[in-house]
Amino acid sequence: QVQLAESGGGLVQPGGSLRLSCVASMRIFSVYDMGWYRQAPGKQRELVAAITSGGNLNYADSVKGRFTISRVNAKNTVYLQMNSLKPEDTAVYYCNAPTGGNYSPRFNWGQGTQVTVSS
């Protein structure tokens, strides 16, 4: 059973930066597209960044130019570098493997990591 472990969240002031990490316990990580989702209070979970198995990148408009997703297959790890953070980025952030046109998560969710942007 695949397990996803997110870390790196915290409290940061507007304009600040954070780097999230997600380690996936699976035998063959490199074949999967991976993504970062977030869920803000009272809102649906949304995919904000994705990286394909071939390294193609996609971002939600709300984070384009501020967030960067990357992966290190040898470490079974996907990262999310978040810069110029805004209060509206406050959410619990999760990683998973998006699949299908609706970007449905392929695996069970991990515990997520809380990001709070506030002065």
Protein backbone atom coordinates (compact mmCIF):
# COMPACT_ATOMS: atom_id res chain seq x y z
CA GLN A 1 0.00 0.00 0.00
CA VAL A 2 1.39 3.37 -1.04
CA GLN A 3 1.94 5.89 1.74
CA LEU A 4 2.46 9.60 1.19
CA ALA A 5 4.19 11.73 3.82
CA GLU A 6 4.08 15.51 3.46
CA SER A 7 6.20 17.93 5.48
CA GLY A 8 7.55 21.45 5.48
CA GLY A 9 4.48 23.49 6.28
CA GLY A 10 4.29 26.21 8.88
CA LEU A 11 3.37 29.78 9.67
CA VAL A 12 4.83 32.41 7.37
CA GLN A 13 4.24 36.10 6.79
CA PRO A 14 2.79 37.36 3.50
CA GLY A 15 5.55 37.54 0.92
CA GLY A 16 7.48 34.75 2.57
CA SER A 17 8.54 31.35 1.27
CA LEU A 18 8.20 27.72 2.21
CA ARG A 19 9.38 24.47 0.67
CA LEU A 20 7.15 21.43 1.00
CA SER A 21 8.34 17.86 0.61
CA CYS A 22 6.46 14.64 0.00
CA VAL A 23 8.03 11.21 0.25
CA ALA A 24 6.15 8.35 -1.40
CA SER A 25 6.63 4.79 -0.27
CA MET A 26 6.36 2.90 -3.52
CA ARG A 27 8.60 0.70 -5.59
CA ILE A 28 8.49 2.59 -8.86
CA PHE A 29 7.95 6.31 -8.23
CA SER A 30 9.26 7.57 -11.55
CA VAL A 31 6.39 6.25 -13.68
CA TYR A 32 3.75 8.35 -11.95
CA ASP A 33 2.68 11.90 -12.60
CA MET A 34 2.72 13.66 -9.23
CA GLY A 35 0.96 16.73 -7.93
CA TRP A 36 0.32 19.01 -5.01
CA TYR A 37 -3.23 19.65 -3.91
CA ARG A 38 -4.52 22.02 -1.26
CA GLN A 39 -7.70 22.35 0.74
CA ALA A 40 -8.61 25.61 2.41
CA PRO A 41 -11.25 25.75 5.16
CA GLY A 42 -14.72 25.43 3.68
CA LYS A 43 -13.41 24.81 0.17
CA GLN A 44 -12.91 21.79 -2.04
CA ARG A 45 -9.50 20.25 -2.47
CA GLU A 46 -7.81 21.54 -5.62
CA LEU A 47 -4.77 20.59 -7.64
CA VAL A 48 -2.32 23.50 -7.73
CA ALA A 49 0.79 22.01 -9.34
CA ALA A 50 1.67 18.86 -11.24
CA ILE A 51 4.76 17.28 -12.74
CA THR A 52 4.49 14.44 -15.20
CA SER A 53 6.69 11.38 -15.25
CA GLY A 54 8.48 13.05 -18.14
CA GLY A 55 9.03 16.29 -16.25
CA ASN A 56 6.33 18.48 -17.81
CA LEU A 57 4.97 21.09 -15.41
CA ASN A 58 1.48 22.49 -14.95
CA TYR A 59 0.17 25.06 -12.49
CA ALA A 60 -3.13 26.51 -11.44
CA ASP A 61 -3.46 30.15 -12.46
CA SER A 62 -3.61 31.18 -8.81
CA VAL A 63 -0.04 29.99 -8.14
CA LYS A 64 1.61 30.38 -11.55
CA GLY A 65 4.85 32.34 -11.29
CA ARG A 66 5.05 31.87 -7.52
CA PHE A 67 5.15 28.10 -6.96
CA THR A 68 7.57 25.59 -8.47
CA ILE A 69 7.08 21.84 -8.40
CA SER A 70 9.99 19.45 -8.81
CA ARG A 71 10.83 15.83 -8.16
CA VAL A 72 13.81 13.63 -7.37
CA ASN A 73 12.95 10.12 -8.47
CA ALA A 74 15.93 8.56 -6.73
CA LYS A 75 14.49 9.81 -3.43
CA ASN A 76 10.82 9.09 -4.22
CA THR A 77 10.25 12.74 -3.38
CA VAL A 78 8.27 15.59 -4.87
CA TYR A 79 8.78 19.20 -3.74
CA LEU A 80 6.79 22.40 -3.86
CA GLN A 81 8.73 25.65 -3.57
CA MET A 82 6.29 28.40 -2.63
CA ASN A 83 7.38 32.02 -2.93
CA SER A 84 5.54 35.32 -2.54
CA LEU A 85 2.99 33.64 -0.35
CA LYS A 86 -0.39 35.26 0.13
CA PRO A 87 -3.01 34.81 2.86
CA GLU A 88 -5.21 33.02 0.33
CA ASP A 89 -2.55 30.30 0.05
CA THR A 90 -3.46 29.22 3.58
CA ALA A 91 -4.55 25.59 3.37
CA VAL A 92 -3.58 22.02 4.12
CA TYR A 93 -1.32 20.83 1.33
CA TYR A 94 -1.27 17.23 0.12
CA CYS A 95 0.63 15.34 -2.55
CA ASN A 96 -0.76 12.56 -4.68
CA ALA A 97 -0.65 11.16 -8.18
CA PRO A 98 -3.31 12.85 -10.34
CA THR A 99 -5.00 10.70 -12.92
CA GLY A 100 -7.71 11.23 -15.49
CA GLY A 101 -9.31 14.37 -16.75
CA ASN A 102 -10.53 15.31 -13.28
CA TYR A 103 -7.08 14.82 -11.73
CA SER A 104 -8.47 12.26 -9.34
CA PRO A 105 -5.94 11.08 -6.77
CA ARG A 106 -4.55 7.65 -7.47
CA PHE A 107 -3.60 6.82 -3.88
CA ASN A 108 -4.97 7.28 -0.37
CA TRP A 109 -4.30 10.70 1.06
CA GLY A 110 -1.50 11.35 3.51
CA GLN A 111 -1.88 13.53 6.58
CA GLY A 112 -1.04 16.71 4.70
CA THR A 113 0.96 19.68 5.95
CA GLN A 114 -0.59 22.93 7.16
CA VAL A 115 0.49 26.19 5.55
CA THR A 116 -0.67 29.37 7.22
CA VAL A 117 0.11 32.76 5.69
CA SER A 118 -0.59 35.53 8.14
CA SER A 119 0.99 38.62 9.62
